[in-house]
Amino acid sequence: MTKVITFGNFKGGVGKTTATAMFAYLLANKNKKILAIDFDPQANMTNFLFKSFNATLEKGYTSLFESIKTENLNKAIVPLSDSLDIIPSDIDLIAFQELLPNDVKKKHYLLDHVLNDIKKNYDYILIDVPPTISEFTNNALVASDFTLIIMQTEPDSLSGAINYKEYAEGMQTFNPPLEIAGILPYLKKKSSKIDEYILNISLSGNLDIKDIVFDSHIYSRERVKRFRINGITNRDYHDKKVFEMYQKVLNELLEKINEKEYLKD
């Protein structure tokens, strides 16, 4: 059964887009059929994955905005590999709000509605959204089974993570099955005592999130910065260390998802 996961935080620059793209890449390498949706008009994940696969837009492509407008996402899908597709973003997506009905009870459901026709074609659909309270976030959360919160070890990011968690819980009114998969810490340095101190102090004062923080962490690495510039590569020791780090986190994410699915049953 398809699982839809939105990655979020109400603070930018926390590694959210990179994590979404890396998880999509790794899942696709495990023979899972994956769709990555860039639901942010800034199109950062689109640029990242396009560089990684030397992808270009083919003739007949229709933008995400136009595809939502016609309620047909098929022409917005760009294959990156046999197992990984992307629905890219573009600047015209900024007008997404114009497509929504005025009825508050209906306007959060548009993305979920248009996803229904293609959902069955994928094992996982991963959605990247802007770090804002917006209809991009609302529609993504209503279309999702799970949301993963990325939290950098900085006070502003912690605050963004807490606010995002509370907001996601509020969106369960519109999508009761939505589950919070957990909070994934992003540390600036693996051996930084300051990062660990901030993480421990922050969580000790916020018991409502302490129990859902991942045991695995993501750390800042120069190779990841190079990925963002040149695209993902898998050639040398440094590349493989990055993959190992993200794979460990991905394994924990999948375990948490499976556990929550089991408890539902």
C-alpha atoms as a PDB file:
ATOM      1  CA  MET A   1       0.000   0.000   0.000  1.00  0.00           C
ATOM      2  CA  THR A   2       1.330   3.432  -0.963  1.00  0.00           C
ATOM      3  CA  LYS A   3       2.697   5.549   1.850  1.00  0.00           C
ATOM      4  CA  VAL A   4       2.801   9.336   1.446  1.00  0.00           C
ATOM      5  CA  ILE A   5       5.300  11.223   3.609  1.00  0.00           C
ATOM      6  CA  THR A   6       5.701  15.001   3.939  1.00  0.00           C
ATOM      7  CA  PHE A   7       8.949  16.437   5.296  1.00  0.00           C
ATOM      8  CA  GLY A   8       8.618  19.656   7.261  1.00  0.00           C
ATOM      9  CA  ASN A   9       9.699  22.323   9.707  1.00  0.00           C
ATOM     10  CA  PHE A  10       8.626  25.952   9.964  1.00  0.00           C
ATOM     11  CA  LYS A  11      12.296  26.974   9.816  1.00  0.00           C
ATOM     12  CA  GLY A  12      14.258  26.955   6.563  1.00  0.00           C
ATOM     13  CA  GLY A  13      17.795  25.707   6.059  1.00  0.00           C
ATOM     14  CA  VAL A  14      17.505  22.636   8.291  1.00  0.00           C
ATOM     15  CA  GLY A  15      18.331  19.978   5.687  1.00  0.00           C
ATOM     16  CA  LYS A  16      14.714  19.121   4.916  1.00  0.00           C
ATOM     17  CA  THR A  17      14.959  19.230   1.122  1.00  0.00           C
ATOM     18  CA  THR A  18      18.242  17.307   1.085  1.00  0.00           C
ATOM     19  CA  ALA A  19      16.767  14.596   3.317  1.00  0.00           C
ATOM     20  CA  THR A  20      13.693  14.254   1.098  1.00  0.00           C
ATOM     21  CA  ALA A  21      15.833  13.877  -2.023  1.00  0.00           C
ATOM     22  CA  MET A  22      18.306  11.474  -0.396  1.00  0.00           C
ATOM     23  CA  PHE A  23      15.541   9.241   0.965  1.00  0.00           C
ATOM     24  CA  ALA A  24      13.876   9.170  -2.463  1.00  0.00           C
ATOM     25  CA  TYR A  25      17.214   8.202  -4.041  1.00  0.00           C
ATOM     26  CA  LEU A  26      17.932   5.469  -1.492  1.00  0.00           C
ATOM     27  CA  LEU A  27      14.430   3.986  -1.583  1.00  0.00           C
ATOM     28  CA  ALA A  28      14.581   3.850  -5.379  1.00  0.00           C
ATOM     29  CA  ASN A  29      17.848   1.924  -5.120  1.00  0.00           C
ATOM     30  CA  LYS A  30      16.013  -0.694  -3.032  1.00  0.00           C
ATOM     31  CA  ASN A  31      13.709  -1.518  -5.948  1.00  0.00           C
ATOM     32  CA  LYS A  32      10.856   0.540  -4.568  1.00  0.00           C
ATOM     33  CA  LYS A  33       8.845   2.670  -6.967  1.00  0.00           C
ATOM     34  CA  ILE A  34       9.189   6.235  -5.714  1.00  0.00           C
ATOM     35  CA  LEU A  35       7.606   9.580  -6.567  1.00  0.00           C
ATOM     36  CA  ALA A  36       9.209  12.757  -5.237  1.00  0.00           C
ATOM     37  CA  ILE A  37       6.928  15.802  -5.328  1.00  0.00           C
ATOM     38  CA  ASP A  38       8.502  19.249  -5.132  1.00  0.00           C
ATOM     39  CA  PHE A  39       5.635  21.258  -3.665  1.00  0.00           C
ATOM     40  CA  ASP A  40       7.745  24.377  -3.125  1.00  0.00           C
ATOM     41  CA  PRO A  41       7.797  27.113  -5.824  1.00  0.00           C
ATOM     42  CA  GLN A  42      11.512  27.655  -5.105  1.00  0.00           C
ATOM     43  CA  ALA A  43      12.112  24.246  -6.749  1.00  0.00           C
ATOM     44  CA  ASN A  44      15.221  23.383  -4.711  1.00  0.00           C
ATOM     45  CA  MET A  45      14.568  19.635  -4.720  1.00  0.00           C
ATOM     46  CA  THR A  46      13.832  19.753  -8.448  1.00  0.00           C
ATOM     47  CA  ASN A  47      17.198  21.358  -9.151  1.00  0.00           C
ATOM     48  CA  PHE A  48      18.988  18.911  -6.838  1.00  0.00           C
ATOM     49  CA  LEU A  49      17.541  15.746  -8.378  1.00  0.00           C
ATOM     50  CA  PHE A  50      17.700  17.036 -11.954  1.00  0.00           C
ATOM     51  CA  LYS A  51      21.448  17.599 -11.530  1.00  0.00           C
ATOM     52  CA  SER A  52      21.815  14.167  -9.934  1.00  0.00           C
ATOM     53  CA  PHE A  53      20.268  12.430 -12.946  1.00  0.00           C
ATOM     54  CA  ASN A  54      21.164  14.903 -15.722  1.00  0.00           C
ATOM     55  CA  ALA A  55      17.429  15.244 -16.299  1.00  0.00           C
ATOM     56  CA  THR A  56      15.691  17.700 -18.621  1.00  0.00           C
ATOM     57  CA  LEU A  57      12.073  18.490 -19.356  1.00  0.00           C
ATOM     58  CA  GLU A  58      10.773  16.628 -22.388  1.00  0.00           C
ATOM     59  CA  LYS A  59       8.363  17.941 -25.002  1.00  0.00           C
ATOM     60  CA  GLY A  60       4.789  17.601 -23.798  1.00  0.00           C
ATOM     61  CA  TYR A  61       5.662  18.210 -20.159  1.00  0.00           C
ATOM     62  CA  THR A  62       3.015  20.106 -18.186  1.00  0.00           C
ATOM     63  CA  SER A  63       3.920  22.041 -15.033  1.00  0.00           C
ATOM     64  CA  LEU A  64       2.653  20.934 -11.633  1.00  0.00           C
ATOM     65  CA  PHE A  65       0.467  24.032 -11.430  1.00  0.00           C
ATOM     66  CA  GLU A  66      -1.152  23.392 -14.830  1.00  0.00           C
ATOM     67  CA  SER A  67      -1.546  19.687 -14.024  1.00  0.00           C
ATOM     68  CA  ILE A  68      -3.342  20.444 -10.775  1.00  0.00           C
ATOM     69  CA  LYS A  69      -5.480  22.940 -12.662  1.00  0.00           C
ATOM     70  CA  THR A  70      -6.603  20.243 -15.111  1.00  0.00           C
ATOM     71  CA  GLU A  71      -6.673  17.586 -12.354  1.00  0.00           C
ATOM     72  CA  ASN A  72      -4.270  15.332 -14.260  1.00  0.00           C
ATOM     73  CA  LEU A  73      -0.773  14.859 -12.831  1.00  0.00           C
ATOM     74  CA  ASN A  74       0.396  12.323 -15.412  1.00  0.00           C
ATOM     75  CA  LYS A  75       1.977  14.891 -17.746  1.00  0.00           C
ATOM     76  CA  ALA A  76       3.815  16.509 -14.831  1.00  0.00           C
ATOM     77  CA  ILE A  77       5.747  13.327 -13.998  1.00  0.00           C
ATOM     78  CA  VAL A  78       9.401  13.245 -15.062  1.00  0.00           C
ATOM     79  CA  PRO A  79      11.155   9.835 -14.887  1.00  0.00           C
ATOM     80  CA  LEU A  80      14.632  10.061 -13.375  1.00  0.00           C
ATOM     81  CA  SER A  81      15.367   6.330 -13.340  1.00  0.00           C
ATOM     82  CA  ASP A  82      13.464   3.063 -13.673  1.00  0.00           C
ATOM     83  CA  SER A  83      12.326   3.350 -10.056  1.00  0.00           C
ATOM     84  CA  LEU A  84      12.364   7.096  -9.301  1.00  0.00           C
ATOM     85  CA  ASP A  85      10.025   9.734 -10.730  1.00  0.00           C
ATOM     86  CA  ILE A  86       9.708  13.385  -9.801  1.00  0.00           C
ATOM     87  CA  ILE A  87       6.966  15.950 -10.187  1.00  0.00           C
ATOM     88  CA  PRO A  88       9.103  19.087 -10.496  1.00  0.00           C
ATOM     89  CA  SER A  89       8.172  22.507  -9.249  1.00  0.00           C
ATOM     90  CA  ASP A  90       8.313  25.818 -11.077  1.00  0.00           C
ATOM     91  CA  ILE A  91       7.689  29.453 -10.272  1.00  0.00           C
ATOM     92  CA  ASP A  92       4.102  29.283 -11.580  1.00  0.00           C
ATOM     93  CA  LEU A  93       3.240  27.065  -8.589  1.00  0.00           C
ATOM     94  CA  ILE A  94       3.212  30.238  -6.510  1.00  0.00           C
ATOM     95  CA  ALA A  95      -0.323  30.755  -7.856  1.00  0.00           C
ATOM     96  CA  PHE A  96      -1.532  27.471  -6.341  1.00  0.00           C
ATOM     97  CA  GLN A  97      -3.786  29.396  -3.950  1.00  0.00           C
ATOM     98  CA  GLU A  98      -5.847  30.585  -6.925  1.00  0.00           C
ATOM     99  CA  LEU A  99      -6.917  27.013  -7.690  1.00  0.00           C
ATOM    100  CA  LEU A 100      -8.395  26.393  -4.254  1.00  0.00           C
ATOM    101  CA  PRO A 101     -12.108  26.578  -3.478  1.00  0.00           C
ATOM    102  CA  ASN A 102     -13.225  29.245  -1.032  1.00  0.00           C
ATOM    103  CA  ASP A 103     -14.771  26.679   1.280  1.00  0.00           C
ATOM    104  CA  VAL A 104     -12.377  26.203   4.207  1.00  0.00           C
ATOM    105  CA  LYS A 105     -13.548  22.611   4.606  1.00  0.00           C
ATOM    106  CA  LYS A 106     -12.595  21.758   1.000  1.00  0.00           C
ATOM    107  CA  LYS A 107      -9.521  23.819   0.112  1.00  0.00           C
ATOM    108  CA  HIS A 108      -7.057  21.574   1.981  1.00  0.00           C
ATOM    109  CA  TYR A 109      -7.981  18.519  -0.134  1.00  0.00           C
ATOM    110  CA  LEU A 110      -6.963  19.512  -3.680  1.00  0.00           C
ATOM    111  CA  LEU A 111      -3.554  17.796  -3.738  1.00  0.00           C
ATOM    112  CA  ASP A 112      -5.013  14.662  -2.168  1.00  0.00           C
ATOM    113  CA  HIS A 113      -7.730  14.634  -4.826  1.00  0.00           C
ATOM    114  CA  VAL A 114      -5.373  14.902  -7.816  1.00  0.00           C
ATOM    115  CA  LEU A 115      -2.960  12.339  -6.339  1.00  0.00           C
ATOM    116  CA  ASN A 116      -5.622   9.646  -6.251  1.00  0.00           C
ATOM    117  CA  ASP A 117      -5.238   8.699  -9.920  1.00  0.00           C
ATOM    118  CA  ILE A 118      -1.474   8.049  -9.715  1.00  0.00           C
ATOM    119  CA  LYS A 119      -1.017   7.017  -6.104  1.00  0.00           C
ATOM    120  CA  LYS A 120      -1.363   3.292  -6.767  1.00  0.00           C
ATOM    121  CA  ASN A 121       1.670   3.364  -9.097  1.00  0.00           C
ATOM    122  CA  TYR A 122       4.132   3.985  -6.241  1.00  0.00           C
ATOM    123  CA  ASP A 123       5.352   2.387  -3.039  1.00  0.00           C
ATOM    124  CA  TYR A 124       6.294   5.739  -1.510  1.00  0.00           C
ATOM    125  CA  ILE A 125       5.458   9.339  -2.361  1.00  0.00           C
ATOM    126  CA  LEU A 126       7.733  11.896  -0.684  1.00  0.00           C
ATOM    127  CA  ILE A 127       6.658  15.548  -0.558  1.00  0.00           C
ATOM    128  CA  ASP A 128       8.895  18.547   0.073  1.00  0.00           C
ATOM    129  CA  VAL A 129       7.097  21.735   1.157  1.00  0.00           C
ATOM    130  CA  PRO A 130       8.126  25.321   1.961  1.00  0.00           C
ATOM    131  CA  PRO A 131       9.038  26.068   5.608  1.00  0.00           C
ATOM    132  CA  THR A 132       5.864  28.117   6.060  1.00  0.00           C
ATOM    133  CA  ILE A 133       2.300  27.903   7.245  1.00  0.00           C
ATOM    134  CA  SER A 134       0.608  27.859   3.861  1.00  0.00           C
ATOM    135  CA  GLU A 135      -1.773  25.914   1.677  1.00  0.00           C
ATOM    136  CA  PHE A 136       1.241  24.035   0.321  1.00  0.00           C
ATOM    137  CA  THR A 137       1.799  22.605   3.793  1.00  0.00           C
ATOM    138  CA  ASN A 138      -1.912  22.153   4.470  1.00  0.00           C
ATOM    139  CA  ASN A 139      -2.562  20.257   1.237  1.00  0.00           C
ATOM    140  CA  ALA A 140       0.548  18.114   1.649  1.00  0.00           C
ATOM    141  CA  LEU A 141      -0.370  17.119   5.196  1.00  0.00           C
ATOM    142  CA  VAL A 142      -3.936  16.259   4.234  1.00  0.00           C
ATOM    143  CA  ALA A 143      -2.592  14.097   1.383  1.00  0.00           C
ATOM    144  CA  SER A 144      -0.073  12.319   3.652  1.00  0.00           C
ATOM    145  CA  ASP A 145      -0.029   9.260   5.834  1.00  0.00           C
ATOM    146  CA  PHE A 146       3.031  10.487   7.762  1.00  0.00           C
ATOM    147  CA  THR A 147       5.063  13.607   8.323  1.00  0.00           C
ATOM    148  CA  LEU A 148       8.725  13.685   9.358  1.00  0.00           C
ATOM    149  CA  ILE A 149      10.076  16.774  11.117  1.00  0.00           C
ATOM    150  CA  ILE A 150      13.697  17.781  10.457  1.00  0.00           C
ATOM    151  CA  MET A 151      15.216  19.739  13.351  1.00  0.00           C
ATOM    152  CA  GLN A 152      18.595  21.457  13.334  1.00  0.00           C
ATOM    153  CA  THR A 153      20.354  21.948  16.684  1.00  0.00           C
ATOM    154  CA  GLU A 154      19.541  25.649  16.893  1.00  0.00           C
ATOM    155  CA  PRO A 155      16.886  27.374  19.032  1.00  0.00           C
ATOM    156  CA  ASP A 156      14.975  28.720  16.006  1.00  0.00           C
ATOM    157  CA  SER A 157      14.859  25.293  14.403  1.00  0.00           C
ATOM    158  CA  LEU A 158      13.654  23.694  17.644  1.00  0.00           C
ATOM    159  CA  SER A 159      10.897  26.282  17.866  1.00  0.00           C
ATOM    160  CA  GLY A 160      10.003  25.622  14.219  1.00  0.00           C
ATOM    161  CA  ALA A 161       9.889  21.878  14.879  1.00  0.00           C
ATOM    162  CA  ILE A 162       7.622  22.261  17.923  1.00  0.00           C
ATOM    163  CA  ASN A 163       5.307  24.647  16.052  1.00  0.00           C
ATOM    164  CA  TYR A 164       5.226  22.324  13.060  1.00  0.00           C
ATOM    165  CA  LYS A 165       4.361  19.325  15.254  1.00  0.00           C
ATOM    166  CA  GLU A 166       1.488  21.203  16.879  1.00  0.00           C
ATOM    167  CA  TYR A 167       0.295  22.424  13.506  1.00  0.00           C
ATOM    168  CA  ALA A 168       0.417  18.919  12.007  1.00  0.00           C
ATOM    169  CA  GLU A 169      -1.605  17.624  14.943  1.00  0.00           C
ATOM    170  CA  GLY A 170      -4.168  20.335  14.211  1.00  0.00           C
ATOM    171  CA  MET A 171      -4.359  19.190  10.572  1.00  0.00           C
ATOM    172  CA  GLN A 172      -5.456  15.766  11.796  1.00  0.00           C
ATOM    173  CA  THR A 173      -8.905  17.372  11.967  1.00  0.00           C
ATOM    174  CA  PHE A 174      -8.911  17.255   8.168  1.00  0.00           C
ATOM    175  CA  ASN A 175      -6.864  14.034   7.858  1.00  0.00           C
ATOM    176  CA  PRO A 176      -7.365  11.855  10.965  1.00  0.00           C
ATOM    177  CA  PRO A 177      -5.004   9.030   9.810  1.00  0.00           C
ATOM    178  CA  LEU A 178      -2.047  11.449   9.590  1.00  0.00           C
ATOM    179  CA  GLU A 179       0.781  10.311  11.891  1.00  0.00           C
ATOM    180  CA  ILE A 180       3.912  12.134  13.027  1.00  0.00           C
ATOM    181  CA  ALA A 181       6.732   9.743  12.144  1.00  0.00           C
ATOM    182  CA  GLY A 182       9.140  11.535  14.462  1.00  0.00           C
ATOM    183  CA  ILE A 183      11.701  14.316  14.722  1.00  0.00           C
ATOM    184  CA  LEU A 184      15.037  13.875  12.970  1.00  0.00           C
ATOM    185  CA  PRO A 185      17.920  15.911  14.469  1.00  0.00           C
ATOM    186  CA  TYR A 186      20.368  17.603  12.124  1.00  0.00           C
ATOM    187  CA  LEU A 187      23.658  18.380  13.882  1.00  0.00           C
ATOM    188  CA  LYS A 188      26.255  20.733  12.449  1.00  0.00           C
ATOM    189  CA  LYS A 189      29.171  18.558  13.558  1.00  0.00           C
ATOM    190  CA  LYS A 190      29.250  14.898  14.530  1.00  0.00           C
ATOM    191  CA  SER A 191      31.624  15.428  17.444  1.00  0.00           C
ATOM    192  CA  SER A 192      30.345  18.837  18.521  1.00  0.00           C
ATOM    193  CA  LYS A 193      29.645  18.980  22.247  1.00  0.00           C
ATOM    194  CA  ILE A 194      27.734  22.218  21.662  1.00  0.00           C
ATOM    195  CA  ASP A 195      25.322  20.542  19.249  1.00  0.00           C
ATOM    196  CA  GLU A 196      24.753  17.656  21.647  1.00  0.00           C
ATOM    197  CA  TYR A 197      24.310  20.086  24.541  1.00  0.00           C
ATOM    198  CA  ILE A 198      21.726  22.139  22.645  1.00  0.00           C
ATOM    199  CA  LEU A 199      19.905  18.968  21.621  1.00  0.00           C
ATOM    200  CA  ASN A 200      19.817  17.531  25.143  1.00  0.00           C
ATOM    201  CA  ILE A 201      18.861  20.797  26.841  1.00  0.00           C
ATOM    202  CA  SER A 202      16.190  21.530  24.239  1.00  0.00           C
ATOM    203  CA  LEU A 203      14.582  18.126  24.506  1.00  0.00           C
ATOM    204  CA  SER A 204      14.744  17.910  28.285  1.00  0.00           C
ATOM    205  CA  GLY A 205      12.525  20.972  28.432  1.00  0.00           C
ATOM    206  CA  ASN A 206      10.075  19.663  25.842  1.00  0.00           C
ATOM    207  CA  LEU A 207       8.848  16.297  27.005  1.00  0.00           C
ATOM    208  CA  ASP A 208       6.101  16.176  24.370  1.00  0.00           C
ATOM    209  CA  ILE A 209       8.698  15.789  21.618  1.00  0.00           C
ATOM    210  CA  LYS A 210      11.441  13.960  23.506  1.00  0.00           C
ATOM    211  CA  ASP A 211       9.894  10.535  22.977  1.00  0.00           C
ATOM    212  CA  ILE A 212       9.590  10.915  19.196  1.00  0.00           C
ATOM    213  CA  VAL A 213      13.135  12.094  18.444  1.00  0.00           C
ATOM    214  CA  PHE A 214      15.122   9.694  16.267  1.00  0.00           C
ATOM    215  CA  ASP A 215      18.074   7.821  17.723  1.00  0.00           C
ATOM    216  CA  SER A 216      19.860   8.307  14.395  1.00  0.00           C
ATOM    217  CA  HIS A 217      21.079  11.766  13.424  1.00  0.00           C
ATOM    218  CA  ILE A 218      22.120  13.571  10.270  1.00  0.00           C
ATOM    219  CA  TYR A 219      25.386  15.487  10.446  1.00  0.00           C
ATOM    220  CA  SER A 220      26.684  18.284   8.265  1.00  0.00           C
ATOM    221  CA  ARG A 221      29.220  16.933   5.764  1.00  0.00           C
ATOM    222  CA  GLU A 222      31.150  18.710   3.038  1.00  0.00           C
ATOM    223  CA  ARG A 223      30.219  15.962   0.588  1.00  0.00           C
ATOM    224  CA  VAL A 224      26.507  16.715   1.057  1.00  0.00           C
ATOM    225  CA  LYS A 225      27.195  20.348   0.159  1.00  0.00           C
ATOM    226  CA  ARG A 226      28.931  19.110  -2.983  1.00  0.00           C
ATOM    227  CA  PHE A 227      25.909  16.959  -3.784  1.00  0.00           C
ATOM    228  CA  ARG A 228      23.712  20.060  -3.677  1.00  0.00           C
ATOM    229  CA  ILE A 229      26.011  21.803  -6.146  1.00  0.00           C
ATOM    230  CA  ASN A 230      26.837  18.979  -8.562  1.00  0.00           C
ATOM    231  CA  GLY A 231      24.229  16.306  -7.848  1.00  0.00           C
ATOM    232  CA  ILE A 232      24.373  12.990  -5.985  1.00  0.00           C
ATOM    233  CA  THR A 233      27.323  10.745  -6.814  1.00  0.00           C
ATOM    234  CA  ASN A 234      28.273   7.293  -5.575  1.00  0.00           C
ATOM    235  CA  ARG A 235      31.911   6.885  -6.483  1.00  0.00           C
ATOM    236  CA  ASP A 236      34.230   7.097  -3.508  1.00  0.00           C
ATOM    237  CA  TYR A 237      34.614   6.628   0.238  1.00  0.00           C
ATOM    238  CA  HIS A 238      33.110  10.024   1.113  1.00  0.00           C
ATOM    239  CA  ASP A 239      30.035   9.389  -1.020  1.00  0.00           C
ATOM    240  CA  LYS A 240      29.523   6.020   0.633  1.00  0.00           C
ATOM    241  CA  LYS A 241      29.805   7.529   4.137  1.00  0.00           C
ATOM    242  CA  VAL A 242      27.009   9.958   3.278  1.00  0.00           C
ATOM    243  CA  PHE A 243      24.850   7.099   1.993  1.00  0.00           C
ATOM    244  CA  GLU A 244      25.506   5.096   5.159  1.00  0.00           C
ATOM    245  CA  MET A 245      24.430   8.052   7.312  1.00  0.00           C
ATOM    246  CA  TYR A 246      21.189   8.652   5.433  1.00  0.00           C
ATOM    247  CA  GLN A 247      20.463   4.927   5.100  1.00  0.00           C
ATOM    248  CA  LYS A 248      20.689   4.486   8.859  1.00  0.00           C
ATOM    249  CA  VAL A 249      18.146   7.259   9.349  1.00  0.00           C
ATOM    250  CA  LEU A 250      15.936   5.895   6.576  1.00  0.00           C
ATOM    251  CA  ASN A 251      15.947   2.452   8.199  1.00  0.00           C
ATOM    252  CA  GLU A 252      14.758   3.984  11.463  1.00  0.00           C
ATOM    253  CA  LEU A 253      12.062   5.944   9.637  1.00  0.00           C
ATOM    254  CA  LEU A 254      10.751   2.803   7.947  1.00  0.00           C
ATOM    255  CA  GLU A 255      10.799   0.922  11.260  1.00  0.00           C
ATOM    256  CA  LYS A 256       8.746   3.677  12.906  1.00  0.00           C
ATOM    257  CA  ILE A 257       6.289   3.720  10.017  1.00  0.00           C
ATOM    258  CA  ASN A 258       5.878  -0.060  10.106  1.00  0.00           C
ATOM    259  CA  GLU A 259       5.405   0.010  13.876  1.00  0.00           C
ATOM    260  CA  LYS A 260       2.703   2.658  13.628  1.00  0.00           C
ATOM    261  CA  GLU A 261       1.000   0.721  10.826  1.00  0.00           C
ATOM    262  CA  TYR A 262       1.086  -2.429  12.964  1.00  0.00           C
ATOM    263  CA  LEU A 263      -0.471  -0.620  15.923  1.00  0.00           C
ATOM    264  CA  LYS A 264      -3.249   0.656  13.683  1.00  0.00           C
ATOM    265  CA  ASP A 265      -4.084  -2.880  12.599  1.00  0.00           C
END
